[in-house]
Protein backbone atom coordinates (compact mmCIF):
# COMPACT_ATOMS: atom_id res chain seq x y z
CA MET A 1 22.28 -64.73 -30.03
CA LEU A 2 23.03 -65.00 -26.32
CA PHE A 3 23.61 -68.32 -24.61
CA ASN A 4 21.06 -67.29 -21.98
CA SER A 5 18.31 -66.55 -24.54
CA ILE A 6 15.28 -68.50 -25.73
CA GLY A 7 16.72 -68.29 -29.25
CA TYR A 8 19.80 -70.26 -28.26
CA LEU A 9 17.74 -72.84 -26.39
CA ILE A 10 15.97 -73.47 -29.71
CA PHE A 11 19.02 -73.12 -31.97
CA LEU A 12 21.27 -75.54 -30.05
CA PRO A 13 18.95 -78.61 -29.92
CA LEU A 14 18.04 -78.17 -33.59
CA THR A 15 21.71 -77.96 -34.57
CA VAL A 16 22.67 -80.98 -32.45
CA ALA A 17 19.78 -83.05 -33.80
CA ALA A 18 20.67 -82.18 -37.41
CA TYR A 19 24.35 -82.89 -36.70
CA TYR A 20 23.67 -86.49 -35.67
CA ALA A 21 21.07 -86.98 -38.43
CA LEU A 22 23.54 -86.12 -41.20
CA PRO A 23 26.26 -88.42 -42.57
CA GLY A 24 29.74 -87.57 -41.26
CA LYS A 25 31.01 -86.06 -44.50
CA TRP A 26 28.29 -83.37 -44.50
CA ARG A 27 28.47 -82.36 -40.86
CA TRP A 28 31.13 -79.70 -41.30
CA ILE A 29 28.83 -77.89 -43.75
CA LEU A 30 26.00 -77.88 -41.23
CA LEU A 31 28.26 -76.59 -38.44
CA LEU A 32 29.76 -73.88 -40.65
CA ALA A 33 26.33 -72.68 -41.78
CA ALA A 34 25.05 -72.78 -38.19
CA SER A 35 28.10 -70.82 -36.99
CA TYR A 36 27.65 -68.07 -39.58
CA LEU A 37 23.93 -67.88 -38.75
CA PHE A 38 24.77 -67.69 -35.05
CA TYR A 39 27.18 -64.79 -35.65
CA ALA A 40 24.88 -63.01 -38.11
CA MET A 41 22.21 -62.77 -35.41
CA TRP A 42 24.30 -59.94 -33.89
CA LYS A 43 25.01 -57.97 -37.07
CA VAL A 44 25.07 -59.43 -40.56
CA GLU A 45 27.69 -56.97 -41.84
CA TYR A 46 30.30 -58.20 -39.39
CA VAL A 47 30.17 -61.67 -40.94
CA LEU A 48 32.21 -60.10 -43.75
CA LEU A 49 34.98 -59.22 -41.27
CA LEU A 50 34.95 -62.77 -39.98
CA MET A 51 35.20 -64.10 -43.54
CA ALA A 52 38.04 -61.68 -44.34
CA ALA A 53 40.04 -62.79 -41.29
CA THR A 54 39.42 -66.40 -42.27
CA ALA A 55 40.42 -65.97 -45.92
CA VAL A 56 43.60 -63.97 -45.23
CA SER A 57 44.79 -66.45 -42.58
CA TYR A 58 43.94 -69.46 -44.77
CA TYR A 59 45.85 -68.23 -47.84
CA ALA A 60 48.75 -66.86 -45.79
CA ALA A 61 49.28 -70.30 -44.26
CA LEU A 62 49.21 -71.95 -47.68
CA GLY A 63 51.62 -69.32 -48.97
CA MET A 64 54.06 -70.10 -46.15
CA GLU A 65 53.85 -73.82 -46.88
CA ALA A 66 55.14 -73.20 -50.40
CA HIS A 67 58.51 -72.06 -48.98
CA THR A 68 61.04 -73.84 -46.80
CA VAL A 69 63.15 -70.76 -46.03
CA LYS A 70 61.72 -68.56 -43.26
CA LYS A 71 62.78 -65.42 -45.09
CA ARG A 72 60.36 -66.32 -47.88
CA LYS A 73 57.58 -67.09 -45.38
CA LYS A 74 57.78 -63.73 -43.63
CA PRO A 75 55.83 -61.68 -46.22
CA TRP A 76 52.88 -64.07 -45.82
CA LEU A 77 53.16 -63.93 -42.02
CA TRP A 78 53.29 -60.14 -42.00
CA THR A 79 50.34 -59.92 -44.39
CA ALA A 80 48.21 -62.01 -42.04
CA LEU A 81 49.39 -60.09 -38.97
CA THR A 82 48.78 -56.72 -40.63
CA VAL A 83 45.28 -57.51 -41.87
CA ASN A 84 44.06 -59.23 -38.71
CA LEU A 85 45.60 -56.74 -36.29
CA GLY A 86 44.58 -53.91 -38.59
CA MET A 87 40.92 -54.87 -38.39
CA LEU A 88 41.19 -55.25 -34.61
CA PHE A 89 42.88 -51.84 -34.38
CA ILE A 90 40.28 -50.04 -36.49
CA PHE A 91 37.27 -51.45 -34.70
CA LYS A 92 38.61 -51.61 -31.14
CA TYR A 93 41.53 -49.23 -30.69
CA LEU A 94 41.21 -46.45 -33.26
CA GLY A 95 38.99 -44.38 -30.99
CA PHE A 96 41.48 -44.65 -28.13
CA PHE A 97 44.43 -43.43 -30.22
CA THR A 98 42.54 -40.67 -32.02
CA GLY A 99 41.33 -39.44 -28.63
CA LEU A 100 44.89 -39.59 -27.31
CA ILE A 101 46.27 -37.59 -30.23
CA SER A 102 43.46 -35.04 -29.96
CA GLY A 103 44.09 -34.73 -26.21
CA LEU A 104 47.80 -34.13 -26.76
CA SER A 105 46.93 -31.56 -29.38
CA ASP A 106 44.75 -29.69 -26.89
CA LEU A 107 47.53 -29.75 -24.27
CA THR A 108 50.32 -28.59 -26.57
CA GLY A 109 48.34 -26.28 -28.82
CA LEU A 110 49.72 -28.06 -31.88
CA PRO A 111 47.44 -29.09 -34.76
CA GLY A 112 46.35 -32.68 -34.38
CA GLN A 113 42.59 -32.87 -34.03
CA ILE A 114 41.45 -36.07 -35.76
CA PRO A 115 37.76 -36.62 -36.59
CA TYR A 116 36.50 -39.94 -35.27
CA TYR A 117 33.20 -41.67 -35.87
CA ALA A 118 32.06 -44.17 -33.25
CA ILE A 119 32.17 -47.74 -34.58
CA LEU A 120 30.29 -50.60 -32.94
CA LEU A 121 32.76 -53.21 -31.71
CA PRO A 122 32.14 -56.50 -33.56
CA VAL A 123 31.34 -59.14 -30.97
CA GLY A 124 34.12 -61.70 -30.52
CA ILE A 125 36.71 -59.88 -32.68
CA SER A 126 39.36 -60.01 -29.93
CA PHE A 127 38.89 -63.76 -29.59
CA TYR A 128 38.81 -64.85 -33.23
CA THR A 129 41.67 -62.47 -34.09
CA PHE A 130 43.90 -64.17 -31.51
CA GLN A 131 42.79 -67.59 -32.75
CA THR A 132 43.69 -66.83 -36.36
CA LEU A 133 46.97 -65.15 -35.36
CA GLY A 134 47.95 -68.15 -33.25
CA TYR A 135 47.31 -70.40 -36.25
CA VAL A 136 49.43 -68.44 -38.76
CA ILE A 137 52.27 -68.03 -36.23
CA ASP A 138 52.22 -71.78 -35.54
CA VAL A 139 52.36 -72.49 -39.27
CA TYR A 140 55.28 -70.08 -39.61
CA ARG A 141 57.10 -71.76 -36.73
CA GLY A 142 56.41 -75.22 -38.12
CA VAL A 143 54.33 -76.23 -35.10
CA THR A 144 51.18 -76.76 -37.18
CA LYS A 145 50.73 -77.82 -40.78
CA PRO A 146 48.41 -75.59 -42.81
CA GLU A 147 44.85 -76.81 -43.29
CA LYS A 148 44.15 -77.23 -47.00
CA HIS A 149 40.39 -77.73 -46.68
CA ALA A 150 38.97 -74.18 -46.75
CA GLY A 151 35.69 -75.26 -45.15
CA ILE A 152 37.34 -77.04 -42.23
CA PHE A 153 39.56 -74.04 -41.60
CA ALA A 154 36.60 -71.66 -41.76
CA LEU A 155 34.83 -73.86 -39.22
CA TYR A 156 37.88 -73.70 -36.94
CA VAL A 157 37.64 -69.88 -36.95
CA THR A 158 33.84 -69.66 -36.62
CA PHE A 159 32.79 -72.70 -34.51
CA PHE A 160 29.78 -71.20 -32.74
CA PRO A 161 30.18 -72.54 -29.18
CA GLN A 162 33.48 -70.67 -28.72
CA LEU A 163 33.32 -67.99 -31.40
CA VAL A 164 32.41 -64.90 -29.41
CA ALA A 165 34.19 -65.36 -26.06
CA GLY A 166 36.48 -68.35 -26.28
CA PRO A 167 38.09 -70.54 -25.19
CA ILE A 168 40.79 -69.40 -27.64
CA GLU A 169 41.59 -72.70 -29.32
CA ARG A 170 44.83 -73.88 -30.90
CA ALA A 171 44.53 -75.43 -34.34
CA ARG A 172 46.23 -78.64 -33.25
CA ASN A 173 43.55 -79.20 -30.62
CA LEU A 174 40.34 -78.30 -32.44
CA MET A 175 40.97 -78.74 -36.18
CA PRO A 176 41.52 -82.54 -36.15
CA GLN A 177 38.23 -83.00 -34.30
CA PHE A 178 36.29 -81.65 -37.29
CA ARG A 179 37.58 -84.54 -39.40
CA GLN A 180 36.43 -87.16 -36.91
CA GLU A 181 33.02 -88.79 -37.13
CA HIS A 182 31.53 -88.43 -33.68
CA ALA A 183 29.07 -91.18 -32.90
CA PHE A 184 26.44 -90.31 -30.32
CA ASP A 185 28.00 -90.84 -26.89
CA PRO A 186 25.42 -90.82 -24.05
CA ALA A 187 28.09 -90.12 -21.40
CA ALA A 188 29.54 -87.14 -23.32
CA PHE A 189 26.03 -85.86 -24.09
CA ALA A 190 25.03 -86.03 -20.40
CA SER A 191 28.30 -84.30 -19.45
CA GLY A 192 27.51 -81.51 -21.91
CA LEU A 193 24.04 -81.02 -20.48
CA ARG A 194 25.43 -80.84 -16.94
CA LEU A 195 27.94 -78.18 -17.97
CA ILE A 196 25.25 -76.12 -19.72
CA LEU A 197 22.95 -76.34 -16.69
CA TRP A 198 25.74 -75.35 -14.29
CA GLY A 199 26.87 -72.53 -16.58
CA LEU A 200 23.35 -71.12 -16.80
CA PHE A 201 23.03 -71.38 -13.02
CA LYS A 202 26.24 -69.41 -12.49
CA LYS A 203 25.26 -66.75 -15.04
CA ILE A 204 21.54 -66.27 -14.37
CA VAL A 205 21.30 -67.03 -10.65
CA ILE A 206 24.65 -65.81 -9.31
CA ALA A 207 26.38 -63.39 -11.71
CA ASP A 208 23.29 -61.43 -12.73
CA ARG A 209 22.13 -61.17 -9.11
CA ILE A 210 25.52 -59.85 -7.97
CA ALA A 211 25.43 -57.43 -10.92
CA MET A 212 22.32 -55.80 -9.44
CA LEU A 213 24.37 -55.05 -6.31
CA VAL A 214 27.58 -53.97 -8.05
CA GLN A 215 26.38 -51.99 -11.06
CA PRO A 216 24.94 -49.06 -9.06
CA VAL A 217 28.31 -48.62 -7.31
CA TYR A 218 30.26 -48.55 -10.57
CA GLY A 219 27.55 -46.69 -12.47
CA GLN A 220 27.16 -43.84 -9.95
CA PRO A 221 30.32 -43.92 -7.79
CA GLU A 222 29.71 -40.44 -6.40
CA TYR A 223 26.82 -41.79 -4.27
CA PHE A 224 28.78 -44.64 -2.62
CA HIS A 225 31.48 -44.60 0.05
CA GLY A 226 33.68 -46.69 2.33
CA ILE A 227 32.27 -50.11 3.15
CA GLN A 228 29.95 -50.09 0.13
CA ILE A 229 32.89 -49.78 -2.26
CA ALA A 230 35.06 -52.15 -0.19
CA ILE A 231 32.39 -54.85 -0.56
CA ALA A 232 31.67 -54.06 -4.22
CA LEU A 233 35.32 -54.68 -5.23
CA PRO A 234 35.47 -58.42 -4.35
CA LEU A 235 31.84 -58.88 -5.44
CA LEU A 236 32.79 -57.58 -8.89
CA ILE A 237 35.57 -60.16 -9.27
CA ILE A 238 33.20 -62.94 -8.20
CA GLN A 239 30.49 -61.62 -10.53
CA VAL A 240 32.87 -61.61 -13.51
CA TYR A 241 34.08 -65.09 -12.57
CA ALA A 242 30.55 -66.51 -12.33
CA ASP A 243 29.60 -64.75 -15.58
CA PHE A 244 32.63 -65.68 -17.67
CA SER A 245 33.19 -69.18 -16.30
CA GLY A 246 29.43 -69.71 -16.70
CA TYR A 247 29.71 -68.72 -20.36
CA THR A 248 32.70 -71.06 -20.74
CA ASP A 249 30.81 -73.98 -19.19
CA ILE A 250 27.94 -73.43 -21.63
CA ALA A 251 30.40 -73.19 -24.55
CA ILE A 252 32.26 -76.37 -23.58
CA GLY A 253 28.98 -78.16 -22.84
CA SER A 254 27.44 -77.13 -26.17
CA ALA A 255 30.46 -78.48 -28.06
CA ARG A 256 30.50 -81.66 -26.00
CA LEU A 257 26.89 -82.45 -26.98
CA MET A 258 28.31 -83.10 -30.46
CA GLY A 259 31.43 -84.90 -29.25
CA PHE A 260 33.90 -81.97 -29.41
CA ARG A 261 36.35 -81.24 -26.60
CA LEU A 262 37.21 -77.58 -26.02
CA SER A 263 40.08 -76.41 -23.83
CA ARG A 264 39.64 -75.80 -20.13
CA ASN A 265 39.55 -72.07 -19.37
CA PHE A 266 39.16 -72.00 -15.57
CA ASN A 267 40.58 -74.21 -12.85
CA ARG A 268 39.38 -73.48 -9.30
CA THR A 269 40.42 -69.85 -9.73
CA PHE A 270 39.95 -68.75 -6.13
CA SER A 271 42.28 -71.49 -4.89
CA ALA A 272 45.16 -69.43 -6.30
CA ARG A 273 48.02 -68.79 -3.85
CA SER A 274 49.62 -65.97 -5.84
CA VAL A 275 48.68 -63.58 -8.64
CA ALA A 276 50.73 -65.68 -11.08
CA ASP A 277 48.80 -68.75 -9.91
CA PHE A 278 45.57 -66.78 -10.38
CA TRP A 279 46.38 -66.23 -14.06
CA ASN A 280 47.26 -69.90 -14.43
CA ARG A 281 43.67 -70.62 -13.39
CA TRP A 282 41.73 -67.67 -14.91
CA HIS A 283 41.10 -67.33 -18.66
CA ILE A 284 43.77 -69.98 -19.18
CA THR A 285 43.66 -69.93 -22.99
CA LEU A 286 44.35 -66.16 -23.09
CA THR A 287 47.19 -66.43 -20.58
CA THR A 288 48.87 -69.30 -22.44
CA TRP A 289 48.35 -67.52 -25.78
CA LEU A 290 50.16 -64.40 -24.54
CA ARG A 291 52.86 -66.53 -22.93
CA ASP A 292 53.58 -68.44 -26.15
CA TYR A 293 53.23 -65.63 -28.69
CA VAL A 294 54.20 -62.48 -26.74
CA TYR A 295 56.20 -63.22 -23.58
CA PHE A 296 58.48 -65.82 -25.17
CA SER A 297 59.00 -63.51 -28.18
CA LEU A 298 60.31 -60.59 -26.11
CA PRO A 299 64.11 -60.19 -25.73
CA SER A 300 65.42 -62.39 -22.91
CA ARG A 301 69.04 -63.28 -23.76
CA PHE A 302 70.70 -61.53 -20.86
CA ARG A 303 72.86 -62.66 -17.95
CA GLY A 304 73.08 -61.90 -14.27
CA LYS A 305 70.96 -59.14 -12.75
CA THR A 306 70.16 -57.75 -16.19
CA ALA A 307 68.46 -61.03 -17.11
CA ALA A 308 66.29 -60.97 -13.97
CA TRP A 309 65.21 -57.36 -14.53
CA ARG A 310 64.56 -58.01 -18.21
CA LEU A 311 62.33 -61.01 -17.45
CA ASN A 312 60.39 -58.94 -14.93
CA LEU A 313 60.01 -56.16 -17.50
CA ASN A 314 58.77 -58.71 -20.02
CA LEU A 315 56.15 -59.82 -17.49
CA ILE A 316 54.98 -56.25 -17.01
CA ILE A 317 54.82 -55.65 -20.79
CA THR A 318 52.89 -58.87 -21.35
CA PHE A 319 50.30 -58.17 -18.67
CA THR A 320 49.91 -54.56 -19.75
CA LEU A 321 48.92 -56.07 -23.11
CA VAL A 322 46.52 -58.37 -21.24
CA GLY A 323 44.85 -55.25 -19.90
CA PHE A 324 44.80 -53.55 -23.30
CA TRP A 325 43.32 -56.69 -24.87
CA HIS A 326 40.39 -56.33 -22.49
CA GLY A 327 39.59 -52.80 -23.60
CA ALA A 328 40.87 -49.65 -25.27
CA GLN A 329 40.80 -47.49 -22.14
CA TRP A 330 43.39 -46.29 -19.66
CA ASN A 331 41.59 -48.25 -16.95
CA PHE A 332 42.32 -51.59 -18.59
CA LEU A 333 45.92 -50.63 -19.34
CA ILE A 334 46.45 -49.80 -15.66
CA PHE A 335 44.65 -53.01 -14.64
CA GLY A 336 47.09 -55.08 -16.69
CA LEU A 337 50.09 -53.01 -15.58
CA ILE A 338 49.23 -53.59 -11.91
CA HIS A 339 48.98 -57.35 -12.42
CA GLY A 340 52.36 -57.32 -14.16
CA ILE A 341 53.89 -55.35 -11.28
CA TYR A 342 52.30 -57.74 -8.78
CA MET A 343 54.06 -60.69 -10.42
CA ALA A 344 57.39 -58.92 -10.86
CA LEU A 345 57.39 -57.91 -7.18
CA ALA A 346 56.50 -61.46 -6.17
CA ILE A 347 59.56 -62.77 -8.03
CA ILE A 348 61.85 -60.09 -6.55
CA SER A 349 60.57 -60.61 -3.00
CA LYS A 350 60.42 -64.42 -3.09
CA PRO A 351 63.73 -65.03 -1.19
CA MET A 352 62.75 -62.48 1.45
CA MET A 353 59.27 -64.00 1.87
CA GLU A 354 60.69 -67.49 2.22
CA LYS A 355 62.99 -66.25 5.01
CA PHE A 356 60.05 -64.49 6.69
CA ASN A 357 57.92 -67.64 6.54
CA ARG A 358 60.70 -69.68 8.18
CA PHE A 359 61.39 -67.03 10.83
CA SER A 360 57.70 -66.53 11.69
CA GLY A 361 56.94 -70.25 11.80
CA LEU A 362 54.46 -70.09 8.91
CA ALA A 363 56.58 -72.54 6.92
CA ALA A 364 55.85 -75.13 9.62
CA ALA A 365 52.09 -74.47 9.34
CA PRO A 366 51.35 -75.16 5.65
CA ALA A 367 47.55 -75.05 6.02
CA LEU A 368 47.68 -71.58 7.59
CA LEU A 369 50.25 -70.38 5.03
CA LYS A 370 48.05 -71.67 2.20
CA ALA A 371 44.98 -69.86 3.59
CA LEU A 372 46.92 -66.61 4.04
CA ASN A 373 48.31 -66.82 0.50
CA GLN A 374 44.85 -67.47 -0.95
CA ALA A 375 43.30 -64.60 1.03
CA SER A 376 46.06 -62.12 0.11
CA THR A 377 45.83 -63.12 -3.56
CA PHE A 378 42.08 -62.58 -3.56
CA LEU A 379 42.48 -59.16 -1.94
CA LEU A 380 45.19 -58.10 -4.39
CA VAL A 381 43.08 -59.14 -7.38
CA SER A 382 39.96 -57.53 -5.89
CA ALA A 383 41.84 -54.23 -5.50
CA THR A 384 42.27 -54.06 -9.28
CA GLY A 385 38.48 -54.02 -9.54
CA PHE A 386 38.80 -50.23 -9.24
CA PHE A 387 40.03 -50.29 -12.84
CA PHE A 388 38.43 -53.44 -14.28
CA GLY A 389 34.85 -52.48 -13.49
CA GLN A 390 35.02 -48.96 -14.89
CA HIS A 391 35.36 -47.56 -18.40
CA SER A 392 35.84 -43.97 -17.23
CA PHE A 393 39.08 -43.04 -15.51
CA SER A 394 37.39 -40.12 -13.74
CA SER A 395 34.84 -42.53 -12.24
CA THR A 396 37.69 -44.74 -11.08
CA LEU A 397 39.28 -41.78 -9.30
CA THR A 398 35.92 -41.06 -7.66
CA LEU A 399 35.76 -44.63 -6.35
CA ILE A 400 39.31 -44.47 -5.03
CA GLY A 401 38.61 -41.16 -3.34
CA ASN A 402 35.33 -42.28 -1.79
CA ILE A 403 36.55 -45.57 -0.35
CA ALA A 404 38.35 -43.72 2.44
CA ASP A 405 35.04 -42.34 3.77
CA PHE A 406 33.69 -44.81 6.37
CA SER A 407 31.49 -42.28 8.17
CA ASN A 408 28.21 -44.08 7.38
CA THR A 409 29.46 -47.65 7.78
CA GLY A 410 26.78 -48.72 10.27
CA ILE A 411 23.90 -47.46 8.12
CA ALA A 412 25.39 -48.97 4.94
CA LEU A 413 25.89 -52.37 6.59
CA ARG A 414 22.31 -52.43 7.92
CA GLN A 415 20.98 -51.59 4.46
CA MET A 416 23.04 -54.37 2.87
CA LEU A 417 22.02 -56.97 5.46
CA GLN A 418 18.37 -56.04 4.96
CA ASN A 419 18.75 -56.56 1.20
CA ASN A 420 17.57 -60.09 0.37
CA ASP A 421 19.59 -60.15 -2.86
CA PHE A 422 22.77 -59.40 -0.90
CA THR A 423 22.13 -62.20 1.61
CA LEU A 424 21.14 -64.68 -1.10
CA SER A 425 24.21 -63.73 -3.15
CA LEU A 426 26.53 -64.51 -0.23
CA ILE A 427 24.89 -67.93 0.25
CA LEU A 428 25.10 -68.70 -3.47
CA ILE A 429 28.75 -67.60 -3.65
CA VAL A 430 29.70 -69.95 -0.81
CA PHE A 431 27.76 -72.77 -2.48
CA MET A 432 29.40 -72.17 -5.89
CA LEU A 433 32.95 -71.99 -4.53
CA ARG A 434 32.47 -75.02 -2.30
CA PHE A 435 30.90 -77.08 -5.06
CA GLU A 436 33.64 -76.24 -7.58
CA ALA A 437 36.33 -76.99 -4.99
CA LEU A 438 34.79 -80.45 -4.46
CA ALA A 439 34.25 -81.04 -8.18
CA GLY A 440 37.92 -80.27 -8.83
CA ARG A 441 39.14 -83.03 -6.55
CA PRO A 442 40.49 -86.17 -8.27
CA GLY A 443 37.85 -88.86 -8.56
CA TRP A 444 34.95 -86.70 -7.33
CA LYS A 445 33.06 -86.74 -10.65
CA GLU A 446 33.51 -90.49 -10.98
CA HIS A 447 32.25 -90.91 -7.41
CA PHE A 448 29.17 -88.79 -8.16
CA MET A 449 28.41 -90.69 -11.37
CA GLN A 450 28.42 -93.94 -9.39
CA ARG A 451 25.56 -92.68 -7.22
CA PRO A 452 22.12 -94.18 -7.97
CA LEU A 453 20.26 -92.50 -10.83
CA PRO A 454 17.52 -91.04 -8.55
CA VAL A 455 20.21 -89.31 -6.45
CA ARG A 456 21.81 -87.75 -9.53
CA LEU A 457 18.45 -86.71 -10.96
CA ALA A 458 17.54 -85.08 -7.65
CA ALA A 459 20.77 -83.05 -7.78
CA TYR A 460 20.09 -81.90 -11.36
CA LEU A 461 16.47 -81.02 -10.57
CA ALA A 462 17.57 -79.04 -7.51
CA VAL A 463 19.90 -76.90 -9.65
CA LEU A 464 17.14 -76.49 -12.26
CA PHE A 465 14.65 -75.53 -9.54
CA PHE A 466 16.96 -72.85 -8.15
CA LEU A 467 17.63 -71.66 -11.70
CA LEU A 468 13.93 -71.19 -12.42
CA ILE A 469 13.00 -69.74 -9.02
CA PHE A 470 15.98 -67.48 -8.34
CA GLY A 471 17.20 -66.72 -11.87
CA ILE A 472 17.35 -63.14 -13.18
CA PHE A 473 15.65 -63.47 -16.57
CA THR A 474 16.35 -60.05 -18.03
CA ARG A 475 18.75 -61.27 -20.76
CA GLN A 476 21.89 -59.64 -19.41
CA GLU A 477 24.80 -59.91 -21.86
CA PHE A 478 27.84 -61.87 -20.77
CA PHE A 479 30.49 -59.61 -19.27
CA TYR A 480 33.28 -60.62 -21.66
CA PHE A 481 31.22 -59.87 -24.77
CA GLN A 482 32.36 -56.24 -24.43
CA PHE A 483 35.94 -57.35 -25.13
């Protein structure tokens, strides 16, 4: 069931209405049933995987609580890690590794051909696997106490607003909220509706329109060259941002209708002044998850130059895993590797860049330096769109090869400028980025809410009007559902 479907627009109001109609002690049952129904609408069989991940993580946490010595807790931890990562491996990564082994067998002439049957990737498995793993690791570390109520824990794993594409929630943030009785709060309800409306606008009006411009380039790269590819790269990043942040707004808004507060996942992403800053603002719950459970777990007890190189290597390893989390293809591995190298180089070159900024006078012009940093960050991230937008490495190589051909630039530019969707997309992108920059300023939301009701209603109706008039209503899946 997609957030941008008629089914969800019926499912959500019915669930919210039933939630407030029921006494507090029964609400968790309603939400759990609604969450399983929501997930079953994709494929009923995969509900069993979700239940298995829930059960293993639940009992492993209880098993760890029975012991005070970490040595005794480890078997339970490793059981949960093995089962959860094992299911993720089978359904998401098995094809990649069997293909790799078969390819090596062909190259070397050694026996190693492994039969592989294509398996449909269960929607959301990357997200709920990380959520359950984070929980059992926190219990092992003593950060979180195990949840004894099986139903509440199952709801934590399956809560429908954030089940299939995040935010990836920590138990200490979300679990206690299921025990609270949320009275109807008109302000929170209105806030939720605004987020849903804005999320739908970003997805249906902006992201899906940009997708019509970008998909042909990535789908048939052999027919596109030079300026067409150069423009498609940044458009892809903006498309994915509008799509994924739109999904996140709808998820957070849906939860807020019932009084739940989900974690922020984006924070004025294109204001980033470095690639590291970009990842502090993009898919925040994934970045912090990998920081806490991967980066901080890698060896780092070194001194002198060895320590600096080791920390940079840890960054590269962590972000290579970020890429691999996104997909079991070489493209995504390289995407993550490049981002890790970007950040390692930024750390190494920081003293030199600071000297350059002082020598060139940029340090004395902070506004110009900020703009240059933001522009260079956007260009660096956009360049990785070669890998992020493709599933085939050969198609990526075609894109890279064709971008150097600017022979038909004039014709290509005229065609783009004559395309109404291209022009409208540029206008909408400027509007979205400007609006979110304003909305992120301290006190802006409070200032808007103090405006007279007719002014606020006019703003909401304007967004709704543009949504209905300019929306692409072809039920495009959200970009991150493929992960």
